[in-house]
C-alpha atoms as a PDB file:
ATOM      1  CA  MET A   1      -1.891-126.834 -47.221  1.00  0.00           C
ATOM      2  CA  ARG A   2       0.659-124.072 -47.603  1.00  0.00           C
ATOM      3  CA  ILE A   3       0.062-123.921 -51.349  1.00  0.00           C
ATOM      4  CA  ALA A   4      -3.698-123.612 -50.865  1.00  0.00           C
ATOM      5  CA  LEU A   5      -3.153-120.762 -48.405  1.00  0.00           C
ATOM      6  CA  ILE A   6      -0.956-118.911 -50.877  1.00  0.00           C
ATOM      7  CA  VAL A   7      -3.557-119.308 -53.646  1.00  0.00           C
ATOM      8  CA  LEU A   8      -6.295-118.026 -51.326  1.00  0.00           C
ATOM      9  CA  ILE A   9      -4.320-114.923 -50.329  1.00  0.00           C
ATOM     10  CA  SER A  10      -3.461-114.164 -53.982  1.00  0.00           C
ATOM     11  CA  SER A  11      -7.126-114.474 -54.963  1.00  0.00           C
ATOM     12  CA  LEU A  12      -8.185-112.056 -52.231  1.00  0.00           C
ATOM     13  CA  ILE A  13      -5.586-109.507 -53.356  1.00  0.00           C
ATOM     14  CA  LEU A  14      -6.768-109.787 -57.002  1.00  0.00           C
ATOM     15  CA  LEU A  15     -10.419-109.400 -56.051  1.00  0.00           C
ATOM     16  CA  SER A  16      -9.577-106.313 -53.994  1.00  0.00           C
ATOM     17  CA  ALA A  17      -7.768-104.793 -56.940  1.00  0.00           C
ATOM     18  CA  LEU A  18     -10.694-105.430 -59.277  1.00  0.00           C
ATOM     19  CA  ALA A  19     -13.158-103.972 -56.829  1.00  0.00           C
ATOM     20  CA  CYS A  20     -11.261-100.648 -56.548  1.00  0.00           C
ATOM     21  CA  PRO A  21     -10.908 -98.672 -59.847  1.00  0.00           C
ATOM     22  CA  ILE A  22      -7.472 -97.255 -60.518  1.00  0.00           C
ATOM     23  CA  GLN A  23      -7.371 -93.501 -60.971  1.00  0.00           C
ATOM     24  CA  ALA A  24      -4.608 -92.564 -63.394  1.00  0.00           C
ATOM     25  CA  ASP A  25      -3.619 -89.224 -61.919  1.00  0.00           C
ATOM     26  CA  GLY A  26      -5.344 -89.034 -58.576  1.00  0.00           C
ATOM     27  CA  PRO A  27      -8.768 -87.627 -57.645  1.00  0.00           C
ATOM     28  CA  PHE A  28     -10.936 -85.614 -60.076  1.00  0.00           C
ATOM     29  CA  ASP A  29     -10.183 -82.360 -58.299  1.00  0.00           C
ATOM     30  CA  ARG A  30      -9.362 -80.096 -61.258  1.00  0.00           C
ATOM     31  CA  GLU A  31     -11.398 -78.466 -64.060  1.00  0.00           C
ATOM     32  CA  ILE A  32     -10.791 -77.020 -67.496  1.00  0.00           C
ATOM     33  CA  THR A  33     -13.380 -74.562 -68.813  1.00  0.00           C
ATOM     34  CA  GLY A  34     -14.032 -72.434 -71.867  1.00  0.00           C
ATOM     35  CA  THR A  35     -16.514 -71.271 -74.485  1.00  0.00           C
ATOM     36  CA  VAL A  36     -17.207 -72.400 -78.063  1.00  0.00           C
ATOM     37  CA  VAL A  37     -18.646 -70.040 -80.703  1.00  0.00           C
ATOM     38  CA  ASP A  38     -19.221 -70.092 -84.460  1.00  0.00           C
ATOM     39  CA  GLU A  39     -17.585 -67.761 -87.009  1.00  0.00           C
ATOM     40  CA  GLN A  40     -20.097 -65.012 -86.234  1.00  0.00           C
ATOM     41  CA  GLY A  41     -19.313 -65.229 -82.505  1.00  0.00           C
ATOM     42  CA  THR A  42     -22.633 -66.914 -81.638  1.00  0.00           C
ATOM     43  CA  PRO A  43     -22.503 -69.500 -78.791  1.00  0.00           C
ATOM     44  CA  PHE A  44     -22.287 -73.009 -80.243  1.00  0.00           C
ATOM     45  CA  SER A  45     -24.077 -75.745 -78.264  1.00  0.00           C
ATOM     46  CA  GLY A  46     -23.594 -79.506 -78.554  1.00  0.00           C
ATOM     47  CA  VAL A  47     -19.874 -79.327 -79.368  1.00  0.00           C
ATOM     48  CA  ASN A  48     -17.841 -82.207 -77.968  1.00  0.00           C
ATOM     49  CA  VAL A  49     -14.780 -80.917 -76.076  1.00  0.00           C
ATOM     50  CA  SER A  50     -12.195 -83.600 -75.297  1.00  0.00           C
ATOM     51  CA  ALA A  51      -9.204 -83.571 -72.938  1.00  0.00           C
ATOM     52  CA  ARG A  52      -6.747 -86.433 -73.516  1.00  0.00           C
ATOM     53  CA  ASN A  53      -4.046 -87.198 -70.958  1.00  0.00           C
ATOM     54  CA  VAL A  54      -0.681 -87.142 -72.715  1.00  0.00           C
ATOM     55  CA  THR A  55       0.831 -89.733 -70.345  1.00  0.00           C
ATOM     56  CA  THR A  56      -1.964 -92.282 -69.873  1.00  0.00           C
ATOM     57  CA  GLY A  57      -4.016 -91.716 -73.011  1.00  0.00           C
ATOM     58  CA  GLU A  58      -7.168 -91.473 -70.899  1.00  0.00           C
ATOM     59  CA  SER A  59      -9.804 -89.048 -72.283  1.00  0.00           C
ATOM     60  CA  PHE A  60     -12.428 -86.883 -70.590  1.00  0.00           C
ATOM     61  CA  HIS A  61     -15.329 -85.221 -72.410  1.00  0.00           C
ATOM     62  CA  SER A  62     -17.986 -82.536 -72.113  1.00  0.00           C
ATOM     63  CA  LEU A  63     -20.682 -81.072 -74.392  1.00  0.00           C
ATOM     64  CA  THR A  64     -21.221 -77.314 -74.624  1.00  0.00           C
ATOM     65  CA  ASP A  65     -24.495 -75.956 -73.280  1.00  0.00           C
ATOM     66  CA  GLU A  66     -26.816 -73.400 -74.914  1.00  0.00           C
ATOM     67  CA  GLY A  67     -24.372 -70.641 -73.998  1.00  0.00           C
ATOM     68  CA  GLY A  68     -21.508 -72.486 -75.667  1.00  0.00           C
ATOM     69  CA  ASN A  69     -19.854 -73.180 -72.304  1.00  0.00           C
ATOM     70  CA  TYR A  70     -18.185 -76.393 -71.198  1.00  0.00           C
ATOM     71  CA  SER A  71     -16.500 -77.715 -68.051  1.00  0.00           C
ATOM     72  CA  ILE A  72     -14.462 -80.927 -67.674  1.00  0.00           C
ATOM     73  CA  SER A  73     -13.481 -82.415 -64.302  1.00  0.00           C
ATOM     74  CA  LEU A  74     -10.291 -84.478 -64.392  1.00  0.00           C
ATOM     75  CA  PRO A  75      -7.179 -85.468 -62.427  1.00  0.00           C
ATOM     76  CA  SER A  76      -4.025 -83.401 -62.452  1.00  0.00           C
ATOM     77  CA  GLY A  77      -1.828 -84.037 -65.467  1.00  0.00           C
ATOM     78  CA  VAL A  78      -0.825 -82.825 -68.915  1.00  0.00           C
ATOM     79  CA  TYR A  79      -3.555 -82.780 -71.576  1.00  0.00           C
ATOM     80  CA  ASN A  80      -4.288 -82.134 -75.229  1.00  0.00           C
ATOM     81  CA  VAL A  81      -7.650 -80.344 -75.515  1.00  0.00           C
ATOM     82  CA  SER A  82      -9.707 -80.306 -78.735  1.00  0.00           C
ATOM     83  CA  ALA A  83     -13.257 -79.631 -79.937  1.00  0.00           C
ATOM     84  CA  SER A  84     -15.313 -81.443 -82.583  1.00  0.00           C
ATOM     85  CA  PHE A  85     -18.706 -81.196 -84.265  1.00  0.00           C
ATOM     86  CA  THR A  86     -20.126 -82.921 -87.329  1.00  0.00           C
ATOM     87  CA  ASN A  87     -19.116 -81.184 -90.618  1.00  0.00           C
ATOM     88  CA  HIS A  88     -17.131 -78.543 -88.751  1.00  0.00           C
ATOM     89  CA  SER A  89     -13.503 -77.780 -88.018  1.00  0.00           C
ATOM     90  CA  THR A  90     -11.990 -75.895 -85.111  1.00  0.00           C
ATOM     91  CA  ASN A  91      -9.602 -72.963 -85.189  1.00  0.00           C
ATOM     92  CA  ILE A  92      -7.221 -74.418 -82.579  1.00  0.00           C
ATOM     93  CA  THR A  93      -6.128 -77.492 -80.608  1.00  0.00           C
ATOM     94  CA  TYR A  94      -4.446 -76.921 -77.251  1.00  0.00           C
ATOM     95  CA  SER A  95      -1.386 -79.131 -76.733  1.00  0.00           C
ATOM     96  CA  ASN A  96       0.465 -80.135 -73.540  1.00  0.00           C
ATOM     97  CA  MET A  97      -1.712 -78.094 -71.195  1.00  0.00           C
ATOM     98  CA  ALA A  98      -0.603 -78.676 -67.573  1.00  0.00           C
ATOM     99  CA  VAL A  99      -3.425 -79.094 -65.055  1.00  0.00           C
ATOM    100  CA  SER A 100      -1.979 -79.289 -61.561  1.00  0.00           C
ATOM    101  CA  GLU A 101      -2.343 -76.808 -58.714  1.00  0.00           C
ATOM    102  CA  ALA A 102      -5.207 -74.738 -60.198  1.00  0.00           C
ATOM    103  CA  ASP A 103      -8.063 -75.053 -62.670  1.00  0.00           C
ATOM    104  CA  LEU A 104      -7.365 -74.234 -66.352  1.00  0.00           C
ATOM    105  CA  THR A 105      -9.757 -71.642 -67.784  1.00  0.00           C
ATOM    106  CA  GLY A 106     -10.250 -69.767 -71.030  1.00  0.00           C
ATOM    107  CA  LEU A 107      -9.632 -72.658 -73.430  1.00  0.00           C
ATOM    108  CA  ASN A 108     -11.979 -71.251 -76.077  1.00  0.00           C
ATOM    109  CA  PHE A 109     -12.764 -72.525 -79.584  1.00  0.00           C
ATOM    110  CA  THR A 110     -14.268 -71.149 -82.809  1.00  0.00           C
ATOM    111  CA  MET A 111     -16.038 -73.686 -85.015  1.00  0.00           C
ATOM    112  CA  ARG A 112     -16.106 -73.321 -88.804  1.00  0.00           C
ATOM    113  CA  GLU A 113     -18.463 -75.259 -91.009  1.00  0.00           C
ATOM    114  CA  LEU A 114     -16.708 -77.415 -93.609  1.00  0.00           C
ATOM    115  CA  LEU A 115     -17.795 -76.003 -96.965  1.00  0.00           C
ATOM    116  CA  GLY A 116     -16.713 -76.465-100.556  1.00  0.00           C
ATOM    117  CA  THR A 117     -14.206 -74.651-102.778  1.00  0.00           C
ATOM    118  CA  ILE A 118     -13.944 -74.196-106.532  1.00  0.00           C
ATOM    119  CA  THR A 119     -10.816 -72.960-108.285  1.00  0.00           C
ATOM    120  CA  GLY A 120      -9.326 -72.786-111.773  1.00  0.00           C
ATOM    121  CA  TYR A 121      -8.205 -70.510-114.615  1.00  0.00           C
ATOM    122  CA  VAL A 122      -9.877 -68.289-117.203  1.00  0.00           C
ATOM    123  CA  THR A 123      -8.165 -68.022-120.612  1.00  0.00           C
ATOM    124  CA  ASN A 124      -8.998 -67.225-124.225  1.00  0.00           C
ATOM    125  CA  GLY A 125      -7.528 -70.552-125.263  1.00  0.00           C
ATOM    126  CA  THR A 126      -3.935 -69.340-125.459  1.00  0.00           C
ATOM    127  CA  ALA A 127      -3.510 -66.496-122.944  1.00  0.00           C
ATOM    128  CA  PRO A 128      -4.902 -65.656-119.468  1.00  0.00           C
ATOM    129  CA  VAL A 129      -7.998 -63.492-119.215  1.00  0.00           C
ATOM    130  CA  THR A 130      -7.927 -61.351-116.072  1.00  0.00           C
ATOM    131  CA  GLY A 131     -10.861 -59.454-114.585  1.00  0.00           C
ATOM    132  CA  ALA A 132     -13.404 -62.071-115.704  1.00  0.00           C
ATOM    133  CA  ALA A 133     -16.274 -62.787-113.292  1.00  0.00           C
ATOM    134  CA  VAL A 134     -16.838 -66.464-112.430  1.00  0.00           C
ATOM    135  CA  HIS A 135     -20.318 -67.240-111.071  1.00  0.00           C
ATOM    136  CA  LEU A 136     -21.918 -70.180-109.256  1.00  0.00           C
ATOM    137  CA  SER A 137     -25.708 -69.979-109.381  1.00  0.00           C
ATOM    138  CA  GLY A 138     -28.014 -72.142-107.255  1.00  0.00           C
ATOM    139  CA  GLU A 139     -29.959 -71.765-104.020  1.00  0.00           C
ATOM    140  CA  LEU A 140     -27.139 -69.381-103.115  1.00  0.00           C
ATOM    141  CA  ASN A 141     -24.963 -67.384-105.521  1.00  0.00           C
ATOM    142  CA  PHE A 142     -21.176 -67.027-105.355  1.00  0.00           C
ATOM    143  CA  THR A 143     -18.808 -64.914-107.476  1.00  0.00           C
ATOM    144  CA  SER A 144     -15.065 -64.377-107.869  1.00  0.00           C
ATOM    145  CA  ASN A 145     -12.827 -62.578-110.389  1.00  0.00           C
ATOM    146  CA  SER A 146      -9.848 -63.949-112.308  1.00  0.00           C
ATOM    147  CA  THR A 147      -6.627 -62.234-111.309  1.00  0.00           C
ATOM    148  CA  ILE A 148      -3.249 -61.163-112.686  1.00  0.00           C
ATOM    149  CA  PRO A 149      -1.022 -62.741-113.935  1.00  0.00           C
ATOM    150  CA  LEU A 150      -2.437 -66.190-114.756  1.00  0.00           C
ATOM    151  CA  GLY A 151      -6.178 -65.572-114.834  1.00  0.00           C
ATOM    152  CA  ALA A 152      -6.669 -67.695-111.685  1.00  0.00           C
ATOM    153  CA  TYR A 153      -9.801 -67.538-109.530  1.00  0.00           C
ATOM    154  CA  THR A 154     -10.983 -69.169-106.288  1.00  0.00           C
ATOM    155  CA  ILE A 155     -14.392 -69.282-104.618  1.00  0.00           C
ATOM    156  CA  SER A 156     -14.427 -70.696-101.095  1.00  0.00           C
ATOM    157  CA  GLY A 157     -17.078 -71.117 -98.400  1.00  0.00           C
ATOM    158  CA  ILE A 158     -19.587 -72.662-100.847  1.00  0.00           C
ATOM    159  CA  ARG A 159     -22.566 -74.530 -99.426  1.00  0.00           C
ATOM    160  CA  PRO A 160     -22.601 -78.141-100.661  1.00  0.00           C
ATOM    161  CA  GLY A 161     -25.008 -78.613-103.555  1.00  0.00           C
ATOM    162  CA  THR A 162     -25.440 -78.425-107.323  1.00  0.00           C
ATOM    163  CA  TYR A 163     -24.709 -75.190-109.177  1.00  0.00           C
ATOM    164  CA  VAL A 164     -24.642 -73.693-112.661  1.00  0.00           C
ATOM    165  CA  ALA A 165     -21.151 -72.327-113.357  1.00  0.00           C
ATOM    166  CA  TYR A 166     -20.227 -69.685-115.920  1.00  0.00           C
ATOM    167  CA  ALA A 167     -17.641 -66.962-116.634  1.00  0.00           C
ATOM    168  CA  GLU A 168     -18.167 -63.594-118.298  1.00  0.00           C
ATOM    169  CA  LYS A 169     -16.320 -60.418-119.232  1.00  0.00           C
ATOM    170  CA  SER A 170     -17.110 -57.437-121.434  1.00  0.00           C
ATOM    171  CA  GLY A 171     -15.807 -58.080-124.936  1.00  0.00           C
ATOM    172  CA  TYR A 172     -16.180 -61.876-124.658  1.00  0.00           C
ATOM    173  CA  TRP A 173     -18.965 -64.396-125.170  1.00  0.00           C
ATOM    174  CA  THR A 174     -20.214 -65.819-121.851  1.00  0.00           C
ATOM    175  CA  SER A 175     -18.803 -69.312-121.213  1.00  0.00           C
ATOM    176  CA  TYR A 176     -21.111 -71.825-119.467  1.00  0.00           C
ATOM    177  CA  HIS A 177     -19.934 -75.141-118.055  1.00  0.00           C
ATOM    178  CA  ASP A 178     -21.856 -77.871-119.872  1.00  0.00           C
ATOM    179  CA  LEU A 179     -22.923 -79.844-116.779  1.00  0.00           C
ATOM    180  CA  PRO A 180     -24.139 -78.800-113.327  1.00  0.00           C
ATOM    181  CA  VAL A 181     -21.257 -78.539-110.868  1.00  0.00           C
ATOM    182  CA  LEU A 182     -21.463 -80.616-107.692  1.00  0.00           C
ATOM    183  CA  ILE A 183     -19.834 -78.920-104.706  1.00  0.00           C
ATOM    184  CA  GLU A 184     -18.954 -81.367-101.918  1.00  0.00           C
ATOM    185  CA  ARG A 185     -18.312 -80.543 -98.291  1.00  0.00           C
ATOM    186  CA  GLY A 186     -14.647 -80.088 -97.455  1.00  0.00           C
ATOM    187  CA  LYS A 187     -13.516 -80.716-101.041  1.00  0.00           C
ATOM    188  CA  THR A 188     -12.017 -78.534-103.791  1.00  0.00           C
ATOM    189  CA  THR A 189     -13.416 -78.680-107.325  1.00  0.00           C
ATOM    190  CA  ARG A 190     -11.207 -77.555-110.230  1.00  0.00           C
ATOM    191  CA  LEU A 191     -12.921 -75.954-113.206  1.00  0.00           C
ATOM    192  CA  ASN A 192     -11.383 -73.923-116.064  1.00  0.00           C
ATOM    193  CA  PHE A 193     -13.163 -71.578-118.466  1.00  0.00           C
ATOM    194  CA  THR A 194     -12.320 -70.485-122.014  1.00  0.00           C
ATOM    195  CA  LEU A 195     -13.753 -67.144-123.141  1.00  0.00           C
ATOM    196  CA  GLU A 196     -14.174 -66.417-126.851  1.00  0.00           C
ATOM    197  CA  GLU A 197     -13.394 -62.832-127.759  1.00  0.00           C
ATOM    198  CA  GLN A 198     -15.683 -60.360-129.483  1.00  0.00           C
ATOM    199  CA  PRO A 199     -12.800 -58.576-131.264  1.00  0.00           C
ATOM    200  CA  ALA A 200     -12.534 -55.105-132.778  1.00  0.00           C
ATOM    201  CA  THR A 201     -10.703 -53.702-135.826  1.00  0.00           C
ATOM    202  CA  ILE A 202      -8.609 -50.562-136.346  1.00  0.00           C
ATOM    203  CA  TYR A 203      -7.836 -49.241-139.817  1.00  0.00           C
ATOM    204  CA  GLY A 204      -6.851 -45.989-141.510  1.00  0.00           C
ATOM    205  CA  GLN A 205      -4.237 -44.138-143.563  1.00  0.00           C
ATOM    206  CA  VAL A 206      -0.922 -42.521-142.642  1.00  0.00           C
ATOM    207  CA  LYS A 207       0.134 -39.452-144.647  1.00  0.00           C
ATOM    208  CA  VAL A 208       3.164 -37.208-144.875  1.00  0.00           C
ATOM    209  CA  GLY A 209       2.684 -33.881-146.642  1.00  0.00           C
ATOM    210  CA  GLY A 210      -0.725 -34.921-147.911  1.00  0.00           C
ATOM    211  CA  ASP A 211       0.438 -38.191-149.484  1.00  0.00           C
ATOM    212  CA  GLY A 212       0.144 -41.731-148.149  1.00  0.00           C
ATOM    213  CA  ILE A 213       3.452 -43.205-147.029  1.00  0.00           C
ATOM    214  CA  ALA A 214       4.528 -46.851-146.977  1.00  0.00           C
ATOM    215  CA  GLY A 215       6.475 -48.702-144.281  1.00  0.00           C
ATOM    216  CA  VAL A 216       5.089 -46.910-141.224  1.00  0.00           C
ATOM    217  CA  MET A 217       4.941 -49.311-138.255  1.00  0.00           C
ATOM    218  CA  VAL A 218       1.571 -49.231-136.488  1.00  0.00           C
ATOM    219  CA  THR A 219       1.732 -50.791-132.987  1.00  0.00           C
ATOM    220  CA  VAL A 220      -1.222 -51.306-130.635  1.00  0.00           C
ATOM    221  CA  THR A 221      -0.292 -52.198-127.026  1.00  0.00           C
ATOM    222  CA  SER A 222      -1.990 -52.773-123.664  1.00  0.00           C
ATOM    223  CA  GLY A 223      -0.035 -54.314-120.803  1.00  0.00           C
ATOM    224  CA  GLY A 224       1.727 -57.333-122.252  1.00  0.00           C
ATOM    225  CA  THR A 225      -0.545 -57.524-125.333  1.00  0.00           C
ATOM    226  CA  SER A 226       0.753 -56.142-128.654  1.00  0.00           C
ATOM    227  CA  PHE A 227      -0.495 -56.012-132.267  1.00  0.00           C
ATOM    228  CA  ASN A 228       1.527 -54.747-135.252  1.00  0.00           C
ATOM    229  CA  ALA A 229       1.023 -53.813-138.903  1.00  0.00           C
ATOM    230  CA  GLN A 230       2.811 -51.766-141.603  1.00  0.00           C
ATOM    231  CA  THR A 231       1.290 -49.303-144.030  1.00  0.00           C
ATOM    232  CA  ASP A 232       1.147 -50.299-147.711  1.00  0.00           C
ATOM    233  CA  THR A 233       2.241 -48.175-150.693  1.00  0.00           C
ATOM    234  CA  GLU A 234      -0.826 -45.963-150.243  1.00  0.00           C
ATOM    235  CA  GLY A 235      -0.248 -45.536-146.521  1.00  0.00           C
ATOM    236  CA  ASN A 236      -3.178 -47.797-145.551  1.00  0.00           C
ATOM    237  CA  TYR A 237      -3.133 -50.197-142.587  1.00  0.00           C
ATOM    238  CA  THR A 238      -5.528 -52.637-140.866  1.00  0.00           C
ATOM    239  CA  LEU A 239      -5.315 -54.377-137.468  1.00  0.00           C
ATOM    240  CA  SER A 240      -7.976 -57.039-136.813  1.00  0.00           C
ATOM    241  CA  GLY A 241      -8.875 -59.385-133.966  1.00  0.00           C
ATOM    242  CA  ILE A 242      -8.039 -56.920-131.190  1.00  0.00           C
ATOM    243  CA  PRO A 243      -9.740 -57.670-127.851  1.00  0.00           C
ATOM    244  CA  VAL A 244     -11.999 -55.044-126.351  1.00  0.00           C
ATOM    245  CA  GLY A 245     -10.203 -52.564-124.097  1.00  0.00           C
ATOM    246  CA  THR A 246      -8.098 -49.418-123.921  1.00  0.00           C
ATOM    247  CA  TYR A 247      -4.873 -49.290-125.911  1.00  0.00           C
ATOM    248  CA  THR A 248      -1.927 -47.108-126.881  1.00  0.00           C
ATOM    249  CA  ILE A 249      -1.413 -46.925-130.652  1.00  0.00           C
ATOM    250  CA  THR A 250       1.951 -45.731-132.003  1.00  0.00           C
ATOM    251  CA  PHE A 251       2.900 -44.705-135.551  1.00  0.00           C
ATOM    252  CA  SER A 252       6.641 -44.718-136.249  1.00  0.00           C
ATOM    253  CA  LYS A 253       9.180 -44.750-139.086  1.00  0.00           C
ATOM    254  CA  THR A 254      12.779 -43.671-139.499  1.00  0.00           C
ATOM    255  CA  ASP A 255      13.107 -39.934-140.346  1.00  0.00           C
ATOM    256  CA  LEU A 256       9.517 -39.286-139.221  1.00  0.00           C
ATOM    257  CA  VAL A 257       8.278 -37.857-135.927  1.00  0.00           C
ATOM    258  CA  SER A 258       6.465 -40.682-134.104  1.00  0.00           C
ATOM    259  CA  GLN A 259       2.891 -40.127-132.939  1.00  0.00           C
ATOM    260  CA  GLU A 260       1.206 -41.857-129.971  1.00  0.00           C
ATOM    261  CA  LEU A 261      -2.554 -41.922-129.295  1.00  0.00           C
ATOM    262  CA  GLN A 262      -4.907 -43.491-126.732  1.00  0.00           C
ATOM    263  CA  ILE A 263      -7.912 -45.428-128.042  1.00  0.00           C
ATOM    264  CA  SER A 264     -10.767 -47.478-126.575  1.00  0.00           C
ATOM    265  CA  LEU A 265     -12.372 -50.365-128.454  1.00  0.00           C
ATOM    266  CA  SER A 266     -15.860 -51.835-128.015  1.00  0.00           C
ATOM    267  CA  PRO A 267     -17.039 -55.319-129.051  1.00  0.00           C
ATOM    268  CA  PHE A 268     -17.088 -55.723-132.847  1.00  0.00           C
ATOM    269  CA  GLU A 269     -16.160 -52.053-133.318  1.00  0.00           C
ATOM    270  CA  SER A 270     -14.458 -51.073-136.586  1.00  0.00           C
ATOM    271  CA  LYS A 271     -12.603 -47.829-135.878  1.00  0.00           C
ATOM    272  CA  ARG A 272     -10.976 -45.644-138.567  1.00  0.00           C
ATOM    273  CA  LEU A 273      -7.955 -43.678-137.455  1.00  0.00           C
ATOM    274  CA  ASP A 274      -6.084 -41.490-139.960  1.00  0.00           C
ATOM    275  CA  VAL A 275      -2.922 -39.631-138.969  1.00  0.00           C
ATOM    276  CA  THR A 276      -0.466 -37.198-140.540  1.00  0.00           C
ATOM    277  CA  LEU A 277       3.199 -37.475-139.601  1.00  0.00           C
ATOM    278  CA  GLU A 278       5.884 -34.801-139.862  1.00  0.00           C
ATOM    279  CA  ARG A 279       9.382 -35.331-141.146  1.00  0.00           C
ATOM    280  CA  GLU A 280      12.015 -35.323-138.429  1.00  0.00           C
ATOM    281  CA  VAL A 281      14.343 -32.290-138.447  1.00  0.00           C
ATOM    282  CA  ARG A 282      17.651 -33.244-136.906  1.00  0.00           C
ATOM    283  CA  GLU A 283      20.193 -30.868-135.417  1.00  0.00           C
ATOM    284  CA  GLY A 284      22.165 -29.158-138.207  1.00  0.00           C
ATOM    285  CA  GLU A 285      19.791 -30.459-140.887  1.00  0.00           C
ATOM    286  CA  GLY A 286      18.722 -28.013-143.586  1.00  0.00           C
ATOM    287  CA  PHE A 287      15.319 -27.301-144.940  1.00  0.00           C
ATOM    288  CA  ILE A 288      15.971 -29.581-147.915  1.00  0.00           C
ATOM    289  CA  PRO A 289      15.561 -33.242-146.835  1.00  0.00           C
ATOM    290  CA  GLY A 290      18.857 -35.108-146.848  1.00  0.00           C
ATOM    291  CA  PHE A 291      21.077 -31.984-146.769  1.00  0.00           C
ATOM    292  CA  ASP A 292      22.471 -29.929-143.915  1.00  0.00           C
ATOM    293  CA  LEU A 293      21.911 -26.183-143.723  1.00  0.00           C
ATOM    294  CA  PRO A 294      25.049 -25.009-145.655  1.00  0.00           C
ATOM    295  CA  HIS A 295      24.398 -27.392-148.498  1.00  0.00           C
ATOM    296  CA  SER A 296      20.712 -26.449-148.499  1.00  0.00           C
ATOM    297  CA  LEU A 297      21.691 -22.769-148.891  1.00  0.00           C
ATOM    298  CA  MET A 298      24.161 -23.665-151.652  1.00  0.00           C
ATOM    299  CA  ILE A 299      21.473 -25.501-153.567  1.00  0.00           C
ATOM    300  CA  VAL A 300      19.055 -22.607-153.194  1.00  0.00           C
ATOM    301  CA  GLY A 301      21.779 -20.176-154.362  1.00  0.00           C
ATOM    302  CA  LEU A 302      22.543 -22.381-157.347  1.00  0.00           C
ATOM    303  CA  ILE A 303      18.885 -22.550-158.265  1.00  0.00           C
ATOM    304  CA  LEU A 304      18.554 -18.746-158.038  1.00  0.00           C
ATOM    305  CA  ALA A 305      21.688 -18.304-160.182  1.00  0.00           C
ATOM    306  CA  LEU A 306      20.315 -20.632-162.804  1.00  0.00           C
ATOM    307  CA  ILE A 307      17.034 -18.771-162.827  1.00  0.00           C
ATOM    308  CA  THR A 308      18.891 -15.454-163.271  1.00  0.00           C
ATOM    309  CA  ILE A 309      21.005 -16.828-166.122  1.00  0.00           C
ATOM    310  CA  ILE A 310      17.987 -18.290-167.856  1.00  0.00           C
ATOM    311  CA  PHE A 311      16.116 -15.012-167.518  1.00  0.00           C
ATOM    312  CA  SER A 312      19.078 -13.047-168.918  1.00  0.00           C
ATOM    313  CA  LEU A 313      19.411 -15.400-171.862  1.00  0.00           C
ATOM    314  CA  MET A 314      15.729 -15.083-172.607  1.00  0.00           C
ATOM    315  CA  VAL A 315      15.967 -11.258-172.604  1.00  0.00           C
ATOM    316  CA  ARG A 316      19.031 -11.302-174.823  1.00  0.00           C
ATOM    317  CA  LEU A 317      17.436 -13.704-177.237  1.00  0.00           C
ATOM    318  CA  ARG A 318      14.407 -11.492-177.494  1.00  0.00           C
ATOM    319  CA  VAL A 319      16.522  -8.409-178.228  1.00  0.00           C
ATOM    320  CA  GLU A 320      18.525 -10.227-180.878  1.00  0.00           C
ATOM    321  CA  ARG A 321      15.354 -11.236-182.637  1.00  0.00           C
ATOM    322  CA  LYS A 322      13.816  -7.723-182.436  1.00  0.00           C
ATOM    323  CA  PRO A 323      16.571  -5.046-182.253  1.00  0.00           C
ATOM    324  CA  GLU A 324      13.978  -2.318-182.899  1.00  0.00           C
ATOM    325  CA  LEU A 325      12.787  -2.858-179.340  1.00  0.00           C
ATOM    326  CA  LEU A 326      16.207  -1.770-178.090  1.00  0.00           C
ATOM    327  CA  ASP A 327      16.254   1.279-180.475  1.00  0.00           C
ATOM    328  CA  LYS A 328      12.773   2.219-179.322  1.00  0.00           C
ATOM    329  CA  GLU A 329      13.823   2.013-175.711  1.00  0.00           C
ATOM    330  CA  GLU A 330      16.885   4.234-176.347  1.00  0.00           C
ATOM    331  CA  THR A 331      14.735   6.830-178.264  1.00  0.00           C
ATOM    332  CA  GLU A 332      12.246   7.011-175.414  1.00  0.00           C
ATOM    333  CA  THR A 333      15.122   7.527-173.020  1.00  0.00           C
ATOM    334  CA  HIS A 334      16.576  10.503-175.065  1.00  0.00           C
ATOM    335  CA  GLU A 335      13.148  12.119-175.334  1.00  0.00           C
ATOM    336  CA  GLU A 336      12.753  12.028-171.597  1.00  0.00           C
ATOM    337  CA  ASP A 337      16.117  13.728-171.253  1.00  0.00           C
END
């Protein structure tokens, strides 16, 4: 009898417990409120805002109205508050927010649509190509430029879909990707481009004193790009396969005054550039190449002395062969006296 009584009392207690729901943190006497907008600041309706109790794991939800507003009634406690919408991400998640003596307001969110990204590099096959425009063409068009130093580019915020992809730059053939490019939501597609150059040529002759001179170094530079050639025995040079652009061209050789010029090259241009270099006059150097000033003067003096001696010998030889010229000269002199 006693056992039956105990079982009956236990059953009544259990039924009472099942009939009365347990509230984890007390009555629903608190609220959290806020507003949800999109990236343009427009109210975003239908967004699911969730408050999850850190201690109990119990969650409370609300959907934003046409004004992007939401309000969640819940018991006091500590909550993590987040927002979600299909194919979108949120700018923030609020963690360990205490809801106790007062309502919690101003928990706002900005929703961003999950879009696609494409990234990669533009090269000429061996070196980066910077400043190239990479295009995606479809229902919408997207463009980005390859950058220094590796020729990298990135296009983000692309609507999912199929696009035609190509890269272009002045002085290069346009490079099209063979197949349509599928951009998927929330994913990054990697795609590299190789641009084939439309090169230019520079040629000409280097002279010193009107004559072509061999061994002059001709250097064409732009940034980290450099091309070199030397003049032949006639002073001629040729530099081929130079990409389109603006360059500094330098002509230099030992004992010559270097010359530096700025040039611009167009696709397939063949530009002739002739220059005349001057010999370098060093401090203390004479006007005769290879000799200083004293020795230059000595050589000139020696040459003048030789000329004088030769002239004197020629006069003497002429007199010896025709002495009557001397007699005639002396007679004319006495007559004048």
